[in-house]
């Protein structure tokens, strides 16, 4: 199949397909908070047979928008991973598709050891190899009771890889 230059130019001008990611079984929408916030839980971008999921900063929030496990860093970390898992699953993805995380800890000096233990255990449960690229940052989070927030980027094929064809 030969593609002419005009057709290729039109493809290049076409908008990138994107849509919000949701999973109301684990997380409500930020605009439903008692103090509404203007962001999507994540965005899905589809590019020529590849899906990219950009998961917004996610924390220990329940399906009603309430902070949970207040004061328990390890429980907050586990709920954060659970929430991200739910968002990934809503798009047909898993942690095996995650290529990068950014991890925000309220007190990195106090909590990093516990964080790394929880993350390592979770990644072992998920049988991840290789592990996602990651950055850890100390930050003041959007709610004073939150001790951790994680962003994630996942990528996966939505169409078979032509290189795998017989």
C-alpha atoms as a PDB file:
ATOM      1  CA  UNK A   1       0.000   0.000   0.000  1.00  0.00           C
ATOM      2  CA  UNK A   2       1.466   3.344  -1.041  1.00  0.00           C
ATOM      3  CA  UNK A   3       0.449   6.418   0.938  1.00  0.00           C
ATOM      4  CA  UNK A   4       0.581   9.776  -0.758  1.00  0.00           C
ATOM      5  CA  UNK A   5       2.038  12.873   0.907  1.00  0.00           C
ATOM      6  CA  UNK A   6      -1.335  14.645   1.229  1.00  0.00           C
ATOM      7  CA  UNK A   7      -2.831  11.690   3.093  1.00  0.00           C
ATOM      8  CA  UNK A   8       0.134  11.596   5.485  1.00  0.00           C
ATOM      9  CA  UNK A   9      -0.202  15.338   6.123  1.00  0.00           C
ATOM     10  CA  UNK A  10      -3.883  14.885   7.013  1.00  0.00           C
ATOM     11  CA  UNK A  11      -3.039  12.088   9.439  1.00  0.00           C
ATOM     12  CA  UNK A  12      -0.421  14.307  11.079  1.00  0.00           C
ATOM     13  CA  UNK A  13      -3.054  17.035  11.595  1.00  0.00           C
ATOM     14  CA  UNK A  14      -5.683  14.687  13.041  1.00  0.00           C
ATOM     15  CA  UNK A  15      -6.364  15.168  16.758  1.00  0.00           C
ATOM     16  CA  UNK A  16      -4.927  12.572  19.107  1.00  0.00           C
ATOM     17  CA  UNK A  17      -7.681  10.410  20.578  1.00  0.00           C
ATOM     18  CA  UNK A  18      -7.918  10.850  24.350  1.00  0.00           C
ATOM     19  CA  UNK A  19     -10.476  10.261  27.067  1.00  0.00           C
ATOM     20  CA  UNK A  20     -10.720  10.303  30.836  1.00  0.00           C
ATOM     21  CA  UNK A  21     -10.100   7.154  32.872  1.00  0.00           C
ATOM     22  CA  UNK A  22     -12.543   6.278  35.660  1.00  0.00           C
ATOM     23  CA  UNK A  23     -13.335   3.387  37.982  1.00  0.00           C
ATOM     24  CA  UNK A  24     -16.095   4.381  40.391  1.00  0.00           C
ATOM     25  CA  UNK A  25     -15.790   1.103  42.308  1.00  0.00           C
ATOM     26  CA  UNK A  26     -12.508   2.331  43.819  1.00  0.00           C
ATOM     27  CA  UNK A  27     -12.465   6.114  43.332  1.00  0.00           C
ATOM     28  CA  UNK A  28     -14.996   8.860  42.834  1.00  0.00           C
ATOM     29  CA  UNK A  29     -14.330  11.781  40.525  1.00  0.00           C
ATOM     30  CA  UNK A  30     -12.381  14.745  41.901  1.00  0.00           C
ATOM     31  CA  UNK A  31     -15.186  17.124  40.928  1.00  0.00           C
ATOM     32  CA  UNK A  32     -17.435  15.168  43.331  1.00  0.00           C
ATOM     33  CA  UNK A  33     -15.287  16.057  46.362  1.00  0.00           C
ATOM     34  CA  UNK A  34     -16.840  18.212  49.076  1.00  0.00           C
ATOM     35  CA  UNK A  35     -14.329  20.784  47.778  1.00  0.00           C
ATOM     36  CA  UNK A  36     -14.452  19.987  44.035  1.00  0.00           C
ATOM     37  CA  UNK A  37     -11.188  19.758  42.143  1.00  0.00           C
ATOM     38  CA  UNK A  38     -10.756  20.075  38.385  1.00  0.00           C
ATOM     39  CA  UNK A  39      -8.801  17.070  37.100  1.00  0.00           C
ATOM     40  CA  UNK A  40      -9.394  13.626  35.652  1.00  0.00           C
ATOM     41  CA  UNK A  41      -8.267  10.501  37.509  1.00  0.00           C
ATOM     42  CA  UNK A  42      -6.262   9.770  34.397  1.00  0.00           C
ATOM     43  CA  UNK A  43      -6.178  10.120  30.645  1.00  0.00           C
ATOM     44  CA  UNK A  44      -6.018   7.443  27.961  1.00  0.00           C
ATOM     45  CA  UNK A  45      -4.270   8.387  24.753  1.00  0.00           C
ATOM     46  CA  UNK A  46      -4.488   6.062  21.740  1.00  0.00           C
ATOM     47  CA  UNK A  47      -1.732   6.308  19.134  1.00  0.00           C
ATOM     48  CA  UNK A  48      -1.592   3.888  16.203  1.00  0.00           C
ATOM     49  CA  UNK A  49      -2.196   0.680  18.143  1.00  0.00           C
ATOM     50  CA  UNK A  50      -0.538   1.846  21.368  1.00  0.00           C
ATOM     51  CA  UNK A  51      -2.468   3.033  24.434  1.00  0.00           C
ATOM     52  CA  UNK A  52      -0.808   5.364  26.920  1.00  0.00           C
ATOM     53  CA  UNK A  53      -2.397   5.785  30.346  1.00  0.00           C
ATOM     54  CA  UNK A  54      -1.467   8.857  32.377  1.00  0.00           C
ATOM     55  CA  UNK A  55      -2.690   8.219  35.919  1.00  0.00           C
ATOM     56  CA  UNK A  56      -3.040  11.382  38.004  1.00  0.00           C
ATOM     57  CA  UNK A  57      -1.600  11.608  41.482  1.00  0.00           C
ATOM     58  CA  UNK A  58      -3.545   8.971  43.413  1.00  0.00           C
ATOM     59  CA  UNK A  59      -3.711   8.539  47.176  1.00  0.00           C
ATOM     60  CA  UNK A  60      -5.516   6.668  49.936  1.00  0.00           C
ATOM     61  CA  UNK A  61      -8.994   7.877  48.942  1.00  0.00           C
ATOM     62  CA  UNK A  62     -12.120   5.725  48.990  1.00  0.00           C
ATOM     63  CA  UNK A  63     -14.923   5.542  46.457  1.00  0.00           C
ATOM     64  CA  UNK A  64     -16.695   8.418  48.235  1.00  0.00           C
ATOM     65  CA  UNK A  65     -13.698  10.755  48.089  1.00  0.00           C
ATOM     66  CA  UNK A  66     -12.788  10.358  51.752  1.00  0.00           C
ATOM     67  CA  UNK A  67      -9.199  10.035  52.944  1.00  0.00           C
ATOM     68  CA  UNK A  68      -8.758   6.651  54.619  1.00  0.00           C
ATOM     69  CA  UNK A  69      -6.119   4.989  56.804  1.00  0.00           C
ATOM     70  CA  UNK A  70      -5.260   8.320  58.422  1.00  0.00           C
ATOM     71  CA  UNK A  71      -1.932   8.108  60.254  1.00  0.00           C
ATOM     72  CA  UNK A  72      -1.072   4.642  58.853  1.00  0.00           C
ATOM     73  CA  UNK A  73       1.578   5.098  56.158  1.00  0.00           C
ATOM     74  CA  UNK A  74       1.721   1.436  55.109  1.00  0.00           C
ATOM     75  CA  UNK A  75      -2.075   1.131  54.801  1.00  0.00           C
ATOM     76  CA  UNK A  76      -2.199   4.390  52.810  1.00  0.00           C
ATOM     77  CA  UNK A  77       0.477   3.027  50.470  1.00  0.00           C
ATOM     78  CA  UNK A  78      -1.415  -0.237  49.928  1.00  0.00           C
ATOM     79  CA  UNK A  79      -4.698   1.641  49.232  1.00  0.00           C
ATOM     80  CA  UNK A  80      -2.880   3.923  46.797  1.00  0.00           C
ATOM     81  CA  UNK A  81      -1.587   0.893  44.872  1.00  0.00           C
ATOM     82  CA  UNK A  82      -5.110  -0.609  44.984  1.00  0.00           C
ATOM     83  CA  UNK A  83      -6.612   2.577  43.540  1.00  0.00           C
ATOM     84  CA  UNK A  84      -4.066   2.707  40.720  1.00  0.00           C
ATOM     85  CA  UNK A  85      -4.673  -0.996  40.038  1.00  0.00           C
ATOM     86  CA  UNK A  86      -8.403  -0.275  39.656  1.00  0.00           C
ATOM     87  CA  UNK A  87      -7.747   2.551  37.198  1.00  0.00           C
ATOM     88  CA  UNK A  88      -5.391   0.363  35.157  1.00  0.00           C
ATOM     89  CA  UNK A  89      -7.887  -2.522  35.110  1.00  0.00           C
ATOM     90  CA  UNK A  90     -10.656  -0.185  33.920  1.00  0.00           C
ATOM     91  CA  UNK A  91      -8.598   0.255  30.732  1.00  0.00           C
ATOM     92  CA  UNK A  92      -7.565  -3.386  30.294  1.00  0.00           C
ATOM     93  CA  UNK A  93      -4.069  -2.780  31.687  1.00  0.00           C
ATOM     94  CA  UNK A  94      -2.080  -4.034  34.656  1.00  0.00           C
ATOM     95  CA  UNK A  95       1.028  -3.110  36.585  1.00  0.00           C
ATOM     96  CA  UNK A  96       3.030  -5.065  33.985  1.00  0.00           C
ATOM     97  CA  UNK A  97       2.172  -2.188  31.609  1.00  0.00           C
ATOM     98  CA  UNK A  98       3.421   0.550  33.977  1.00  0.00           C
ATOM     99  CA  UNK A  99       6.638   2.119  32.705  1.00  0.00           C
ATOM    100  CA  UNK A 100       7.041   4.978  35.188  1.00  0.00           C
ATOM    101  CA  UNK A 101       5.860   6.163  38.586  1.00  0.00           C
ATOM    102  CA  UNK A 102       6.388   9.397  40.472  1.00  0.00           C
ATOM    103  CA  UNK A 103       6.004   8.893  44.209  1.00  0.00           C
ATOM    104  CA  UNK A 104       5.315  11.844  46.510  1.00  0.00           C
ATOM    105  CA  UNK A 105       5.923  11.310  50.232  1.00  0.00           C
ATOM    106  CA  UNK A 106       5.001  13.911  52.835  1.00  0.00           C
ATOM    107  CA  UNK A 107       8.084  12.994  54.900  1.00  0.00           C
ATOM    108  CA  UNK A 108      10.595  11.089  52.777  1.00  0.00           C
ATOM    109  CA  UNK A 109      13.193  10.771  55.526  1.00  0.00           C
ATOM    110  CA  UNK A 110      10.700   9.225  57.970  1.00  0.00           C
ATOM    111  CA  UNK A 111       8.718   7.078  55.512  1.00  0.00           C
ATOM    112  CA  UNK A 112      11.014   6.040  52.647  1.00  0.00           C
ATOM    113  CA  UNK A 113      12.103   2.735  54.220  1.00  0.00           C
ATOM    114  CA  UNK A 114       8.483   1.702  54.855  1.00  0.00           C
ATOM    115  CA  UNK A 115       7.511   2.925  51.377  1.00  0.00           C
ATOM    116  CA  UNK A 116      10.228   0.906  49.686  1.00  0.00           C
ATOM    117  CA  UNK A 117       9.260  -2.220  51.674  1.00  0.00           C
ATOM    118  CA  UNK A 118       5.584  -1.848  50.685  1.00  0.00           C
ATOM    119  CA  UNK A 119       6.452  -1.075  47.056  1.00  0.00           C
ATOM    120  CA  UNK A 120       8.869  -4.012  46.829  1.00  0.00           C
ATOM    121  CA  UNK A 121       6.293  -6.422  48.280  1.00  0.00           C
ATOM    122  CA  UNK A 122       3.593  -5.112  45.936  1.00  0.00           C
ATOM    123  CA  UNK A 123       5.852  -5.336  42.869  1.00  0.00           C
ATOM    124  CA  UNK A 124       6.824  -8.902  43.835  1.00  0.00           C
ATOM    125  CA  UNK A 125       3.110  -9.817  44.086  1.00  0.00           C
ATOM    126  CA  UNK A 126       2.644  -8.353  40.602  1.00  0.00           C
ATOM    127  CA  UNK A 127       5.710 -10.295  39.342  1.00  0.00           C
ATOM    128  CA  UNK A 128       7.143  -7.167  37.722  1.00  0.00           C
ATOM    129  CA  UNK A 129      10.330  -7.549  35.696  1.00  0.00           C
ATOM    130  CA  UNK A 130      11.587  -5.089  34.746  1.00  0.00           C
ATOM    131  CA  UNK A 131      10.498  -2.663  37.438  1.00  0.00           C
ATOM    132  CA  UNK A 132       9.015   0.693  36.377  1.00  0.00           C
ATOM    133  CA  UNK A 133      11.265   3.733  36.266  1.00  0.00           C
ATOM    134  CA  UNK A 134      10.513   5.836  39.330  1.00  0.00           C
ATOM    135  CA  UNK A 135      11.222   9.074  41.142  1.00  0.00           C
ATOM    136  CA  UNK A 136      10.621   9.735  44.837  1.00  0.00           C
ATOM    137  CA  UNK A 137       9.897  13.296  45.924  1.00  0.00           C
ATOM    138  CA  UNK A 138       9.114  14.883  49.273  1.00  0.00           C
ATOM    139  CA  UNK A 139       6.053  17.090  48.878  1.00  0.00           C
ATOM    140  CA  UNK A 140       3.236  18.797  50.693  1.00  0.00           C
ATOM    141  CA  UNK A 141       0.182  16.898  49.473  1.00  0.00           C
ATOM    142  CA  UNK A 142      -3.292  18.286  48.759  1.00  0.00           C
ATOM    143  CA  UNK A 143      -4.742  17.066  52.085  1.00  0.00           C
ATOM    144  CA  UNK A 144      -2.838  17.264  55.371  1.00  0.00           C
ATOM    145  CA  UNK A 145      -3.788  13.697  56.372  1.00  0.00           C
ATOM    146  CA  UNK A 146      -2.344  12.132  53.209  1.00  0.00           C
ATOM    147  CA  UNK A 147       1.147  10.716  53.574  1.00  0.00           C
ATOM    148  CA  UNK A 148       1.699   9.421  50.019  1.00  0.00           C
ATOM    149  CA  UNK A 149       0.517  10.074  46.465  1.00  0.00           C
ATOM    150  CA  UNK A 150       1.624   8.239  43.314  1.00  0.00           C
ATOM    151  CA  UNK A 151       1.360   9.066  39.602  1.00  0.00           C
ATOM    152  CA  UNK A 152       1.792   6.325  36.988  1.00  0.00           C
ATOM    153  CA  UNK A 153       2.312   6.035  33.250  1.00  0.00           C
ATOM    154  CA  UNK A 154       1.397   2.793  31.479  1.00  0.00           C
ATOM    155  CA  UNK A 155       1.764   1.772  27.848  1.00  0.00           C
ATOM    156  CA  UNK A 156       0.403  -1.265  26.016  1.00  0.00           C
ATOM    157  CA  UNK A 157      -0.497  -2.440  22.532  1.00  0.00           C
ATOM    158  CA  UNK A 158      -4.120  -2.357  21.493  1.00  0.00           C
ATOM    159  CA  UNK A 159      -3.386  -4.093  18.194  1.00  0.00           C
ATOM    160  CA  UNK A 160      -1.058  -7.029  17.553  1.00  0.00           C
ATOM    161  CA  UNK A 161       2.568  -6.141  16.900  1.00  0.00           C
ATOM    162  CA  UNK A 162       3.186  -6.607  13.139  1.00  0.00           C
ATOM    163  CA  UNK A 163       6.630  -8.010  14.019  1.00  0.00           C
ATOM    164  CA  UNK A 164       4.886 -10.948  15.744  1.00  0.00           C
ATOM    165  CA  UNK A 165       2.957 -11.904  12.600  1.00  0.00           C
ATOM    166  CA  UNK A 166       3.850 -15.269  11.013  1.00  0.00           C
END
